[in-house]
Amino acid sequence: MDTKLTYSQAIKRLEELVAQVEDPSLPISQVLEKVKEATSLVNFCREELRRGEDQVNQILNTKSESL
């Protein structure tokens, strides 16, 4: 996975992959490749969201401690 990939880019690519996989003429071997790529992108997005959640929690905890 490209370490410079952004969350927005990953979501856009996932949307592209879904559209491609929905094509009934796509050979199963290509479907499998696209599903594998999509799985990797979903994992990347989950990790980005988890990191963002951690940052928000850290900010909120810091703010509440200073009150």
C-alpha atoms as a PDB file:
ATOM      1  CA  MET A   1       0.000   0.000   0.000  1.00  0.00           C
ATOM      2  CA  ASP A   2       1.291   3.435  -0.941  1.00  0.00           C
ATOM      3  CA  THR A   3       2.202   5.210   2.293  1.00  0.00           C
ATOM      4  CA  LYS A   4       1.407   8.576   0.685  1.00  0.00           C
ATOM      5  CA  LEU A   5      -2.175   7.548  -0.042  1.00  0.00           C
ATOM      6  CA  THR A   6      -4.779   9.734   1.626  1.00  0.00           C
ATOM      7  CA  TYR A   7      -8.071   8.619   3.091  1.00  0.00           C
ATOM      8  CA  SER A   8      -9.946  10.502   0.359  1.00  0.00           C
ATOM      9  CA  GLN A   9      -7.886   8.870  -2.382  1.00  0.00           C
ATOM     10  CA  ALA A  10      -8.516   5.445  -0.869  1.00  0.00           C
ATOM     11  CA  ILE A  11     -12.273   6.053  -0.749  1.00  0.00           C
ATOM     12  CA  LYS A  12     -12.263   7.236  -4.355  1.00  0.00           C
ATOM     13  CA  ARG A  13     -10.350   4.127  -5.440  1.00  0.00           C
ATOM     14  CA  LEU A  14     -12.774   1.921  -3.505  1.00  0.00           C
ATOM     15  CA  GLU A  15     -15.670   3.526  -5.363  1.00  0.00           C
ATOM     16  CA  GLU A  16     -13.911   2.817  -8.666  1.00  0.00           C
ATOM     17  CA  LEU A  17     -13.319  -0.800  -7.688  1.00  0.00           C
ATOM     18  CA  VAL A  18     -16.953  -1.311  -6.719  1.00  0.00           C
ATOM     19  CA  ALA A  19     -18.077   0.017 -10.095  1.00  0.00           C
ATOM     20  CA  GLN A  20     -15.643  -2.298 -11.875  1.00  0.00           C
ATOM     21  CA  VAL A  21     -16.625  -5.367  -9.859  1.00  0.00           C
ATOM     22  CA  GLU A  22     -20.297  -4.737 -10.609  1.00  0.00           C
ATOM     23  CA  ASP A  23     -19.573  -5.245 -14.325  1.00  0.00           C
ATOM     24  CA  PRO A  24     -20.885  -8.750 -15.076  1.00  0.00           C
ATOM     25  CA  SER A  25     -18.489  -9.159 -17.994  1.00  0.00           C
ATOM     26  CA  LEU A  26     -15.417  -8.836 -15.766  1.00  0.00           C
ATOM     27  CA  PRO A  27     -13.530 -12.148 -15.582  1.00  0.00           C
ATOM     28  CA  ILE A  28     -13.512 -13.768 -12.157  1.00  0.00           C
ATOM     29  CA  SER A  29      -9.719 -13.558 -11.962  1.00  0.00           C
ATOM     30  CA  GLN A  30      -9.925  -9.767 -12.270  1.00  0.00           C
ATOM     31  CA  VAL A  31     -12.782  -9.636  -9.759  1.00  0.00           C
ATOM     32  CA  LEU A  32     -10.576 -11.462  -7.273  1.00  0.00           C
ATOM     33  CA  GLU A  33      -7.693  -9.043  -7.858  1.00  0.00           C
ATOM     34  CA  LYS A  34      -9.976  -6.059  -7.339  1.00  0.00           C
ATOM     35  CA  VAL A  35     -11.481  -7.548  -4.178  1.00  0.00           C
ATOM     36  CA  LYS A  36      -7.973  -8.099  -2.835  1.00  0.00           C
ATOM     37  CA  GLU A  37      -7.064  -4.470  -3.552  1.00  0.00           C
ATOM     38  CA  ALA A  38     -10.339  -3.284  -2.025  1.00  0.00           C
ATOM     39  CA  THR A  39      -9.677  -5.273   1.141  1.00  0.00           C
ATOM     40  CA  SER A  40      -6.300  -3.613   1.496  1.00  0.00           C
ATOM     41  CA  LEU A  41      -7.859  -0.179   0.994  1.00  0.00           C
ATOM     42  CA  VAL A  42     -10.589  -0.880   3.563  1.00  0.00           C
ATOM     43  CA  ASN A  43      -7.932  -1.881   6.087  1.00  0.00           C
ATOM     44  CA  PHE A  44      -6.014   1.312   5.321  1.00  0.00           C
ATOM     45  CA  CYS A  45      -9.159   3.422   5.823  1.00  0.00           C
ATOM     46  CA  ARG A  46      -9.986   1.689   9.107  1.00  0.00           C
ATOM     47  CA  GLU A  47      -6.484   2.395  10.381  1.00  0.00           C
ATOM     48  CA  GLU A  48      -6.709   6.055   9.344  1.00  0.00           C
ATOM     49  CA  LEU A  49     -10.041   6.395  11.147  1.00  0.00           C
ATOM     50  CA  ARG A  50      -8.643   4.699  14.246  1.00  0.00           C
ATOM     51  CA  ARG A  51      -5.693   7.099  14.248  1.00  0.00           C
ATOM     52  CA  GLY A  52      -8.030  10.047  13.874  1.00  0.00           C
ATOM     53  CA  GLU A  53     -10.184   8.798  16.725  1.00  0.00           C
ATOM     54  CA  ASP A  54      -7.096   8.411  18.916  1.00  0.00           C
ATOM     55  CA  GLN A  55      -6.060  11.982  18.144  1.00  0.00           C
ATOM     56  CA  VAL A  56      -9.513  13.338  18.958  1.00  0.00           C
ATOM     57  CA  ASN A  57      -9.583  11.404  22.230  1.00  0.00           C
ATOM     58  CA  GLN A  58      -6.132  12.703  23.113  1.00  0.00           C
ATOM     59  CA  ILE A  59      -7.224  16.280  22.417  1.00  0.00           C
ATOM     60  CA  LEU A  60     -10.397  15.853  24.446  1.00  0.00           C
ATOM     61  CA  ASN A  61      -8.511  14.311  27.351  1.00  0.00           C
ATOM     62  CA  THR A  62      -5.964  17.124  27.313  1.00  0.00           C
ATOM     63  CA  LYS A  63      -8.733  19.726  27.259  1.00  0.00           C
ATOM     64  CA  SER A  64     -10.642  18.094  30.132  1.00  0.00           C
ATOM     65  CA  GLU A  65      -7.472  17.850  32.241  1.00  0.00           C
ATOM     66  CA  SER A  66      -6.822  21.561  31.853  1.00  0.00           C
ATOM     67  CA  LEU A  67     -10.301  22.519  33.049  1.00  0.00           C
END
